[in-house]
Amino acid sequence: MCRITKSVFLLTWVTALAVTIASCSQPQPEPRRVTDVPDQPAEELAPQDLPPAESTDEAGDADMAAAPDSLDLTAPANDPDAVMVDPDELDSMEDDESGEITRTPDVHFVPTPQEVVDRMLELAQVTKDDVVYDLGCGDGRIVVTAAKKFGCKAIGFDIDPKRVKESQENVSKNEVEALVTIQNADIFELDLTPASVVTLYLLPQLNVRLIPQLKELKPGSRIVSHDFDMRGVEPDAVENLTCENGISHTIYFWTTPLKIDQAKVDESNELFLE
């Protein structure tokens, strides 16, 4: 009996020792902490770490498309930015009604703010006895304002049939047909001598191209340009005007006979032709 008991004890001890050795040989898992976050693949960033998406022009294009195509000038103080340029109009200058095709305009149509329009006409000291020519009349706001505010005759010229149509509509809306005429014409082929006041919103090189025509104006005629000078011709006055929206504009004013430095004019022409 004693011999059996010792054998059982020895077997039990050996078994326990084997179990202990086997359990000690297995690696113990590291306790998981609550604050641990699983690693993310190296090529992917967590949403909060992603760089902000780059802006695209799509939103701007949508805003442009939503802008109205014409500006009602019944109240001349309307927001000038209501009229936008349609870049597609520059590819083909075909009038939908007449089928007439003219050359591509020299500049994009950008309306002059009404505050600038008012100051240009004031600086030129327009009266009811004047004849105002607006070269590149756009939506007709300058000639409409001249007629309504001063009661003078005014003619707007534009090479774009769409702008001509728009100007004519604004003339009708403002009931100044007796004083204002809009013509589809190339401004570089015009006789400007009937005008006593000429208004411009063109690029500097275009102003220079007009010098041969402008210097034929009657003595005492006035020329006013929005934002762009006439290189080689000394202005009588230059004014800076800040509009309510905080944007600054420059107004150039000349009287005839023009103070021309022909050497500078020739230099400008050569520069622009390069």
C-alpha atoms as a PDB file:
ATOM      1  CA  MET A   1       0.000   0.000   0.000  1.00  0.00           C
ATOM      2  CA  CYS A   2       2.806   2.350   0.849  1.00  0.00           C
ATOM      3  CA  ARG A   3       4.595   1.479  -2.422  1.00  0.00           C
ATOM      4  CA  ILE A   4       1.461   2.342  -4.493  1.00  0.00           C
ATOM      5  CA  THR A   5       0.999   5.640  -2.668  1.00  0.00           C
ATOM      6  CA  LYS A   6       4.571   6.721  -3.409  1.00  0.00           C
ATOM      7  CA  SER A   7       4.156   5.829  -7.074  1.00  0.00           C
ATOM      8  CA  VAL A   8       0.956   7.881  -7.342  1.00  0.00           C
ATOM      9  CA  PHE A   9       2.610  10.856  -5.651  1.00  0.00           C
ATOM     10  CA  LEU A  10       5.615  10.682  -7.939  1.00  0.00           C
ATOM     11  CA  LEU A  11       3.402  10.520 -11.051  1.00  0.00           C
ATOM     12  CA  THR A  12       1.345  13.488  -9.872  1.00  0.00           C
ATOM     13  CA  TRP A  13       4.485  15.546  -9.215  1.00  0.00           C
ATOM     14  CA  VAL A  14       5.989  14.771 -12.609  1.00  0.00           C
ATOM     15  CA  THR A  15       2.733  15.686 -14.367  1.00  0.00           C
ATOM     16  CA  ALA A  16       2.469  19.010 -12.508  1.00  0.00           C
ATOM     17  CA  LEU A  17       6.092  19.820 -13.327  1.00  0.00           C
ATOM     18  CA  ALA A  18       5.496  19.152 -17.031  1.00  0.00           C
ATOM     19  CA  VAL A  19       2.445  21.392 -17.108  1.00  0.00           C
ATOM     20  CA  THR A  20       4.344  24.184 -15.367  1.00  0.00           C
ATOM     21  CA  ILE A  21       7.256  23.969 -17.800  1.00  0.00           C
ATOM     22  CA  ALA A  22       4.912  24.015 -20.825  1.00  0.00           C
ATOM     23  CA  SER A  23       3.023  27.054 -19.569  1.00  0.00           C
ATOM     24  CA  CYS A  24       6.203  28.983 -18.846  1.00  0.00           C
ATOM     25  CA  SER A  25       7.519  28.362 -22.356  1.00  0.00           C
ATOM     26  CA  GLN A  26       4.535  30.215 -24.024  1.00  0.00           C
ATOM     27  CA  PRO A  27       4.912  34.087 -24.447  1.00  0.00           C
ATOM     28  CA  GLN A  28       2.534  36.102 -22.345  1.00  0.00           C
ATOM     29  CA  PRO A  29       0.369  38.627 -24.294  1.00  0.00           C
ATOM     30  CA  GLU A  30       0.990  42.276 -23.459  1.00  0.00           C
ATOM     31  CA  PRO A  31      -2.017  43.855 -21.716  1.00  0.00           C
ATOM     32  CA  ARG A  32      -3.966  46.146 -24.157  1.00  0.00           C
ATOM     33  CA  ARG A  33      -4.230  49.766 -23.033  1.00  0.00           C
ATOM     34  CA  VAL A  34      -7.424  51.717 -23.480  1.00  0.00           C
ATOM     35  CA  THR A  35      -5.517  54.611 -25.062  1.00  0.00           C
ATOM     36  CA  ASP A  36      -3.954  52.470 -27.806  1.00  0.00           C
ATOM     37  CA  VAL A  37      -5.140  53.233 -31.369  1.00  0.00           C
ATOM     38  CA  PRO A  38      -4.550  50.704 -34.143  1.00  0.00           C
ATOM     39  CA  ASP A  39      -1.842  51.799 -36.550  1.00  0.00           C
ATOM     40  CA  GLN A  40      -3.029  53.123 -39.919  1.00  0.00           C
ATOM     41  CA  PRO A  41      -1.307  52.259 -43.190  1.00  0.00           C
ATOM     42  CA  ALA A  42       1.537  54.657 -43.944  1.00  0.00           C
ATOM     43  CA  GLU A  43      -0.007  55.852 -47.200  1.00  0.00           C
ATOM     44  CA  GLU A  44      -3.314  56.816 -45.624  1.00  0.00           C
ATOM     45  CA  LEU A  45      -3.948  59.777 -43.342  1.00  0.00           C
ATOM     46  CA  ALA A  46      -6.601  60.091 -40.718  1.00  0.00           C
ATOM     47  CA  PRO A  47      -9.341  62.489 -41.837  1.00  0.00           C
ATOM     48  CA  GLN A  48      -8.226  65.158 -39.384  1.00  0.00           C
ATOM     49  CA  ASP A  49      -4.707  65.014 -40.822  1.00  0.00           C
ATOM     50  CA  LEU A  50      -5.756  65.373 -44.454  1.00  0.00           C
ATOM     51  CA  PRO A  51      -4.684  68.657 -46.101  1.00  0.00           C
ATOM     52  CA  PRO A  52      -7.557  70.967 -47.050  1.00  0.00           C
ATOM     53  CA  ALA A  53      -8.930  70.348 -50.520  1.00  0.00           C
ATOM     54  CA  GLU A  54      -7.586  72.725 -53.129  1.00  0.00           C
ATOM     55  CA  SER A  55     -10.073  75.191 -54.468  1.00  0.00           C
ATOM     56  CA  THR A  56     -11.052  74.906 -58.112  1.00  0.00           C
ATOM     57  CA  ASP A  57     -12.442  77.310 -60.660  1.00  0.00           C
ATOM     58  CA  GLU A  58     -15.689  75.389 -60.899  1.00  0.00           C
ATOM     59  CA  ALA A  59     -17.399  77.428 -58.206  1.00  0.00           C
ATOM     60  CA  GLY A  60     -16.261  80.647 -59.822  1.00  0.00           C
ATOM     61  CA  ASP A  61     -17.493  79.462 -63.197  1.00  0.00           C
ATOM     62  CA  ALA A  62     -20.850  78.618 -61.673  1.00  0.00           C
ATOM     63  CA  ASP A  63     -21.069  82.090 -60.180  1.00  0.00           C
ATOM     64  CA  MET A  64     -20.257  83.620 -63.541  1.00  0.00           C
ATOM     65  CA  ALA A  65     -22.889  81.531 -65.263  1.00  0.00           C
ATOM     66  CA  ALA A  66     -25.463  82.609 -62.715  1.00  0.00           C
ATOM     67  CA  ALA A  67     -24.770  86.312 -63.251  1.00  0.00           C
ATOM     68  CA  PRO A  68     -27.349  88.228 -65.277  1.00  0.00           C
ATOM     69  CA  ASP A  69     -26.532  88.985 -68.888  1.00  0.00           C
ATOM     70  CA  SER A  70     -27.636  92.607 -68.804  1.00  0.00           C
ATOM     71  CA  LEU A  71     -27.888  95.509 -66.417  1.00  0.00           C
ATOM     72  CA  ASP A  72     -31.025  97.588 -66.077  1.00  0.00           C
ATOM     73  CA  LEU A  73     -29.772 101.153 -65.902  1.00  0.00           C
ATOM     74  CA  THR A  74     -33.140 102.678 -65.023  1.00  0.00           C
ATOM     75  CA  ALA A  75     -31.362 103.772 -61.828  1.00  0.00           C
ATOM     76  CA  PRO A  76     -27.799 104.634 -62.908  1.00  0.00           C
ATOM     77  CA  ALA A  77     -26.452 103.757 -59.445  1.00  0.00           C
ATOM     78  CA  ASN A  78     -27.062 100.028 -59.912  1.00  0.00           C
ATOM     79  CA  ASP A  79     -24.235  97.643 -59.055  1.00  0.00           C
ATOM     80  CA  PRO A  80     -21.798  97.672 -61.999  1.00  0.00           C
ATOM     81  CA  ASP A  81     -20.726  94.120 -61.311  1.00  0.00           C
ATOM     82  CA  ALA A  82     -24.147  92.890 -62.414  1.00  0.00           C
ATOM     83  CA  VAL A  83     -22.803  92.761 -65.954  1.00  0.00           C
ATOM     84  CA  MET A  84     -20.270  90.016 -66.582  1.00  0.00           C
ATOM     85  CA  VAL A  85     -18.138  89.152 -69.549  1.00  0.00           C
ATOM     86  CA  ASP A  86     -19.009  85.933 -71.331  1.00  0.00           C
ATOM     87  CA  PRO A  87     -15.633  84.658 -72.617  1.00  0.00           C
ATOM     88  CA  ASP A  88     -17.398  82.577 -75.264  1.00  0.00           C
ATOM     89  CA  GLU A  89     -18.634  85.776 -76.868  1.00  0.00           C
ATOM     90  CA  LEU A  90     -15.062  86.640 -77.846  1.00  0.00           C
ATOM     91  CA  ASP A  91     -14.630  83.557 -80.032  1.00  0.00           C
ATOM     92  CA  SER A  92     -17.297  84.515 -82.522  1.00  0.00           C
ATOM     93  CA  MET A  93     -18.756  87.969 -82.793  1.00  0.00           C
ATOM     94  CA  GLU A  94     -21.866  86.981 -84.722  1.00  0.00           C
ATOM     95  CA  ASP A  95     -25.106  88.812 -84.142  1.00  0.00           C
ATOM     96  CA  ASP A  96     -27.906  86.268 -83.671  1.00  0.00           C
ATOM     97  CA  GLU A  97     -30.486  88.352 -85.510  1.00  0.00           C
ATOM     98  CA  SER A  98     -28.580  89.762 -88.455  1.00  0.00           C
ATOM     99  CA  GLY A  99     -25.864  87.159 -88.867  1.00  0.00           C
ATOM    100  CA  GLU A 100     -23.404  90.049 -89.215  1.00  0.00           C
ATOM    101  CA  ILE A 101     -19.836  89.192 -88.265  1.00  0.00           C
ATOM    102  CA  THR A 102     -17.395  91.819 -87.043  1.00  0.00           C
ATOM    103  CA  ARG A 103     -13.803  91.536 -85.941  1.00  0.00           C
ATOM    104  CA  THR A 104     -13.037  90.346 -82.445  1.00  0.00           C
ATOM    105  CA  PRO A 105     -13.174  93.199 -79.880  1.00  0.00           C
ATOM    106  CA  ASP A 106      -9.849  94.567 -78.695  1.00  0.00           C
ATOM    107  CA  VAL A 107     -10.820  94.294 -75.030  1.00  0.00           C
ATOM    108  CA  HIS A 108     -13.117  92.294 -72.794  1.00  0.00           C
ATOM    109  CA  PHE A 109     -16.182  94.184 -71.673  1.00  0.00           C
ATOM    110  CA  VAL A 110     -15.804  95.290 -68.062  1.00  0.00           C
ATOM    111  CA  PRO A 111     -18.329  97.912 -66.922  1.00  0.00           C
ATOM    112  CA  THR A 112     -17.165 101.181 -65.397  1.00  0.00           C
ATOM    113  CA  PRO A 113     -18.568 101.571 -61.859  1.00  0.00           C
ATOM    114  CA  GLN A 114     -21.339 104.160 -61.765  1.00  0.00           C
ATOM    115  CA  GLU A 115     -19.424 106.285 -59.256  1.00  0.00           C
ATOM    116  CA  VAL A 116     -16.568 106.524 -61.755  1.00  0.00           C
ATOM    117  CA  VAL A 117     -18.973 107.319 -64.605  1.00  0.00           C
ATOM    118  CA  ASP A 118     -20.421 110.228 -62.622  1.00  0.00           C
ATOM    119  CA  ARG A 119     -16.987 111.621 -61.770  1.00  0.00           C
ATOM    120  CA  MET A 120     -15.695 111.283 -65.354  1.00  0.00           C
ATOM    121  CA  LEU A 121     -18.576 113.384 -66.665  1.00  0.00           C
ATOM    122  CA  GLU A 122     -18.185 115.920 -63.852  1.00  0.00           C
ATOM    123  CA  LEU A 123     -14.447 116.231 -64.506  1.00  0.00           C
ATOM    124  CA  ALA A 124     -15.192 116.878 -68.187  1.00  0.00           C
ATOM    125  CA  GLN A 125     -17.680 119.566 -67.108  1.00  0.00           C
ATOM    126  CA  VAL A 126     -20.370 118.209 -69.409  1.00  0.00           C
ATOM    127  CA  THR A 127     -23.278 120.524 -70.180  1.00  0.00           C
ATOM    128  CA  LYS A 128     -26.450 120.238 -72.252  1.00  0.00           C
ATOM    129  CA  ASP A 129     -24.592 121.827 -75.159  1.00  0.00           C
ATOM    130  CA  ASP A 130     -21.994 119.057 -75.421  1.00  0.00           C
ATOM    131  CA  VAL A 131     -21.891 116.033 -77.678  1.00  0.00           C
ATOM    132  CA  VAL A 132     -20.449 113.017 -75.831  1.00  0.00           C
ATOM    133  CA  TYR A 133     -18.809 110.132 -77.691  1.00  0.00           C
ATOM    134  CA  ASP A 134     -18.201 106.942 -75.729  1.00  0.00           C
ATOM    135  CA  LEU A 135     -15.715 104.702 -77.564  1.00  0.00           C
ATOM    136  CA  GLY A 136     -16.474 101.105 -76.631  1.00  0.00           C
ATOM    137  CA  CYS A 137     -19.794 101.859 -74.963  1.00  0.00           C
ATOM    138  CA  GLY A 138     -20.457  98.397 -73.486  1.00  0.00           C
ATOM    139  CA  ASP A 139     -23.889  98.492 -71.850  1.00  0.00           C
ATOM    140  CA  GLY A 140     -24.349 102.191 -72.626  1.00  0.00           C
ATOM    141  CA  ARG A 141     -24.163 103.458 -69.069  1.00  0.00           C
ATOM    142  CA  ILE A 142     -21.950 106.477 -69.846  1.00  0.00           C
ATOM    143  CA  VAL A 143     -24.082 107.864 -72.670  1.00  0.00           C
ATOM    144  CA  VAL A 144     -27.297 107.111 -70.771  1.00  0.00           C
ATOM    145  CA  THR A 145     -25.966 108.915 -67.695  1.00  0.00           C
ATOM    146  CA  ALA A 146     -24.790 111.908 -69.759  1.00  0.00           C
ATOM    147  CA  ALA A 147     -28.226 112.298 -71.330  1.00  0.00           C
ATOM    148  CA  LYS A 148     -30.196 111.816 -68.116  1.00  0.00           C
ATOM    149  CA  LYS A 149     -27.973 113.924 -65.878  1.00  0.00           C
ATOM    150  CA  PHE A 150     -26.960 116.750 -68.213  1.00  0.00           C
ATOM    151  CA  GLY A 151     -29.518 116.621 -71.026  1.00  0.00           C
ATOM    152  CA  CYS A 152     -26.857 116.469 -73.737  1.00  0.00           C
ATOM    153  CA  LYS A 153     -26.626 114.433 -76.922  1.00  0.00           C
ATOM    154  CA  ALA A 154     -24.494 111.318 -76.701  1.00  0.00           C
ATOM    155  CA  ILE A 155     -23.395 108.565 -79.065  1.00  0.00           C
ATOM    156  CA  GLY A 156     -22.038 105.195 -78.016  1.00  0.00           C
ATOM    157  CA  PHE A 157     -19.903 103.094 -80.363  1.00  0.00           C
ATOM    158  CA  ASP A 158     -19.127  99.396 -79.995  1.00  0.00           C
ATOM    159  CA  ILE A 159     -17.856  96.755 -82.385  1.00  0.00           C
ATOM    160  CA  ASP A 160     -19.698  93.942 -80.596  1.00  0.00           C
ATOM    161  CA  PRO A 161     -23.313  93.596 -81.843  1.00  0.00           C
ATOM    162  CA  LYS A 162     -24.334  92.065 -78.517  1.00  0.00           C
ATOM    163  CA  ARG A 163     -23.107  95.118 -76.643  1.00  0.00           C
ATOM    164  CA  VAL A 164     -24.846  97.370 -79.140  1.00  0.00           C
ATOM    165  CA  LYS A 165     -28.115  95.544 -78.576  1.00  0.00           C
ATOM    166  CA  GLU A 166     -27.678  95.727 -74.811  1.00  0.00           C
ATOM    167  CA  SER A 167     -26.938  99.457 -74.955  1.00  0.00           C
ATOM    168  CA  GLN A 168     -29.987 100.098 -77.102  1.00  0.00           C
ATOM    169  CA  GLU A 169     -32.159  98.246 -74.612  1.00  0.00           C
ATOM    170  CA  ASN A 170     -30.811 100.404 -71.775  1.00  0.00           C
ATOM    171  CA  VAL A 171     -31.407 103.560 -73.805  1.00  0.00           C
ATOM    172  CA  SER A 172     -35.046 102.505 -74.233  1.00  0.00           C
ATOM    173  CA  LYS A 173     -35.449 101.593 -70.560  1.00  0.00           C
ATOM    174  CA  ASN A 174     -34.243 105.044 -69.595  1.00  0.00           C
ATOM    175  CA  GLU A 175     -36.341 106.803 -72.253  1.00  0.00           C
ATOM    176  CA  VAL A 176     -33.454 108.826 -73.670  1.00  0.00           C
ATOM    177  CA  GLU A 177     -33.888 107.797 -77.318  1.00  0.00           C
ATOM    178  CA  ALA A 178     -34.218 111.455 -78.333  1.00  0.00           C
ATOM    179  CA  LEU A 179     -30.712 112.190 -77.048  1.00  0.00           C
ATOM    180  CA  VAL A 180     -28.746 108.928 -77.299  1.00  0.00           C
ATOM    181  CA  THR A 181     -27.689 106.916 -80.341  1.00  0.00           C
ATOM    182  CA  ILE A 182     -25.843 103.600 -80.317  1.00  0.00           C
ATOM    183  CA  GLN A 183     -23.822 102.513 -83.339  1.00  0.00           C
ATOM    184  CA  ASN A 184     -22.078  99.278 -84.287  1.00  0.00           C
ATOM    185  CA  ALA A 185     -18.726 100.606 -85.490  1.00  0.00           C
ATOM    186  CA  ASP A 186     -14.954 100.226 -85.391  1.00  0.00           C
ATOM    187  CA  ILE A 187     -13.745 103.111 -83.216  1.00  0.00           C
ATOM    188  CA  PHE A 188     -10.454 103.363 -85.136  1.00  0.00           C
ATOM    189  CA  GLU A 189     -12.321 104.277 -88.299  1.00  0.00           C
ATOM    190  CA  LEU A 190     -14.467 107.034 -86.782  1.00  0.00           C
ATOM    191  CA  ASP A 191     -14.435 110.753 -87.433  1.00  0.00           C
ATOM    192  CA  LEU A 192     -14.409 112.123 -83.865  1.00  0.00           C
ATOM    193  CA  THR A 193     -14.561 115.804 -84.768  1.00  0.00           C
ATOM    194  CA  PRO A 194     -18.303 116.237 -84.024  1.00  0.00           C
ATOM    195  CA  ALA A 195     -17.641 115.337 -80.359  1.00  0.00           C
ATOM    196  CA  SER A 196     -16.829 117.871 -77.663  1.00  0.00           C
ATOM    197  CA  VAL A 197     -16.320 115.160 -75.009  1.00  0.00           C
ATOM    198  CA  VAL A 198     -14.808 111.697 -75.571  1.00  0.00           C
ATOM    199  CA  THR A 199     -14.878 108.995 -72.895  1.00  0.00           C
ATOM    200  CA  LEU A 200     -12.618 105.936 -72.881  1.00  0.00           C
ATOM    201  CA  TYR A 201     -12.156 102.701 -70.981  1.00  0.00           C
ATOM    202  CA  LEU A 202      -9.568 101.023 -73.178  1.00  0.00           C
ATOM    203  CA  LEU A 203      -6.049  99.665 -72.780  1.00  0.00           C
ATOM    204  CA  PRO A 204      -3.069 102.078 -72.994  1.00  0.00           C
ATOM    205  CA  GLN A 205      -2.003 100.841 -76.430  1.00  0.00           C
ATOM    206  CA  LEU A 206      -5.507 101.442 -77.770  1.00  0.00           C
ATOM    207  CA  ASN A 207      -5.540 104.958 -76.360  1.00  0.00           C
ATOM    208  CA  VAL A 208      -2.260 105.593 -78.165  1.00  0.00           C
ATOM    209  CA  ARG A 209      -3.732 104.260 -81.417  1.00  0.00           C
ATOM    210  CA  LEU A 210      -6.510 106.841 -81.097  1.00  0.00           C
ATOM    211  CA  ILE A 211      -4.137 109.822 -80.868  1.00  0.00           C
ATOM    212  CA  PRO A 212      -4.289 110.675 -84.603  1.00  0.00           C
ATOM    213  CA  GLN A 213      -8.087 110.895 -84.354  1.00  0.00           C
ATOM    214  CA  LEU A 214      -8.205 112.622 -80.973  1.00  0.00           C
ATOM    215  CA  LYS A 215      -5.786 115.377 -81.948  1.00  0.00           C
ATOM    216  CA  GLU A 216      -8.251 116.415 -84.676  1.00  0.00           C
ATOM    217  CA  LEU A 217     -10.885 117.351 -82.094  1.00  0.00           C
ATOM    218  CA  LYS A 218     -11.895 120.995 -81.877  1.00  0.00           C
ATOM    219  CA  PRO A 219      -9.864 123.126 -79.436  1.00  0.00           C
ATOM    220  CA  GLY A 220     -11.319 122.934 -75.947  1.00  0.00           C
ATOM    221  CA  SER A 221     -12.667 119.413 -76.386  1.00  0.00           C
ATOM    222  CA  ARG A 222     -12.285 117.126 -73.376  1.00  0.00           C
ATOM    223  CA  ILE A 223     -11.109 113.519 -73.187  1.00  0.00           C
ATOM    224  CA  VAL A 224     -11.594 111.369 -70.094  1.00  0.00           C
ATOM    225  CA  SER A 225     -10.187 107.873 -69.572  1.00  0.00           C
ATOM    226  CA  HIS A 226     -10.984 105.365 -66.852  1.00  0.00           C
ATOM    227  CA  ASP A 227      -7.884 103.682 -65.353  1.00  0.00           C
ATOM    228  CA  PHE A 228      -5.591 103.885 -68.411  1.00  0.00           C
ATOM    229  CA  ASP A 229      -3.372 106.714 -69.578  1.00  0.00           C
ATOM    230  CA  MET A 230      -2.336 107.800 -73.062  1.00  0.00           C
ATOM    231  CA  ARG A 231       1.404 107.384 -73.223  1.00  0.00           C
ATOM    232  CA  GLY A 232       3.177 110.318 -74.776  1.00  0.00           C
ATOM    233  CA  VAL A 233       0.312 112.719 -74.076  1.00  0.00           C
ATOM    234  CA  GLU A 234       0.486 114.805 -70.908  1.00  0.00           C
ATOM    235  CA  PRO A 235      -2.821 114.828 -68.989  1.00  0.00           C
ATOM    236  CA  ASP A 236      -4.294 118.025 -67.597  1.00  0.00           C
ATOM    237  CA  ALA A 237      -5.395 116.199 -64.472  1.00  0.00           C
ATOM    238  CA  VAL A 238      -5.214 112.765 -62.849  1.00  0.00           C
ATOM    239  CA  GLU A 239      -7.625 111.807 -60.086  1.00  0.00           C
ATOM    240  CA  ASN A 240      -7.849 108.781 -57.833  1.00  0.00           C
ATOM    241  CA  LEU A 241     -11.302 107.709 -56.728  1.00  0.00           C
ATOM    242  CA  THR A 242     -12.102 105.022 -54.156  1.00  0.00           C
ATOM    243  CA  CYS A 243     -15.559 103.530 -54.591  1.00  0.00           C
ATOM    244  CA  GLU A 244     -17.826 102.352 -51.800  1.00  0.00           C
ATOM    245  CA  ASN A 245     -16.602  98.778 -52.308  1.00  0.00           C
ATOM    246  CA  GLY A 246     -13.074  99.924 -51.432  1.00  0.00           C
ATOM    247  CA  ILE A 247     -11.637  99.536 -54.943  1.00  0.00           C
ATOM    248  CA  SER A 248      -9.570 102.467 -56.204  1.00  0.00           C
ATOM    249  CA  HIS A 249      -9.810 103.815 -59.746  1.00  0.00           C
ATOM    250  CA  THR A 250      -7.801 106.407 -61.666  1.00  0.00           C
ATOM    251  CA  ILE A 251      -9.315 108.987 -64.001  1.00  0.00           C
ATOM    252  CA  TYR A 252      -7.177 110.727 -66.642  1.00  0.00           C
ATOM    253  CA  PHE A 253      -8.283 114.045 -68.165  1.00  0.00           C
ATOM    254  CA  TRP A 254      -7.010 115.847 -71.254  1.00  0.00           C
ATOM    255  CA  THR A 255      -8.097 118.914 -73.202  1.00  0.00           C
ATOM    256  CA  THR A 256      -7.317 119.768 -76.801  1.00  0.00           C
ATOM    257  CA  PRO A 257      -5.004 120.713 -78.293  1.00  0.00           C
ATOM    258  CA  LEU A 258      -3.198 117.713 -76.835  1.00  0.00           C
ATOM    259  CA  LYS A 259       0.252 118.111 -75.295  1.00  0.00           C
ATOM    260  CA  ILE A 260       1.967 115.425 -77.358  1.00  0.00           C
ATOM    261  CA  ASP A 261       5.532 114.205 -76.983  1.00  0.00           C
ATOM    262  CA  GLN A 262       5.825 112.525 -80.377  1.00  0.00           C
ATOM    263  CA  ALA A 263       9.044 110.715 -79.468  1.00  0.00           C
ATOM    264  CA  LYS A 264       7.302 109.009 -76.543  1.00  0.00           C
ATOM    265  CA  VAL A 265       4.278 108.224 -78.709  1.00  0.00           C
ATOM    266  CA  ASP A 266       6.523 106.589 -81.318  1.00  0.00           C
ATOM    267  CA  GLU A 267       8.351 104.702 -78.580  1.00  0.00           C
ATOM    268  CA  SER A 268       5.034 103.458 -77.188  1.00  0.00           C
ATOM    269  CA  ASN A 269       3.876 102.332 -80.616  1.00  0.00           C
ATOM    270  CA  GLU A 270       7.082 100.376 -81.134  1.00  0.00           C
ATOM    271  CA  LEU A 271       6.727  98.817 -77.678  1.00  0.00           C
ATOM    272  CA  PHE A 272       3.154  97.748 -78.281  1.00  0.00           C
ATOM    273  CA  LEU A 273       3.973  96.344 -81.713  1.00  0.00           C
ATOM    274  CA  GLU A 274       6.676  94.053 -80.335  1.00  0.00           C
END
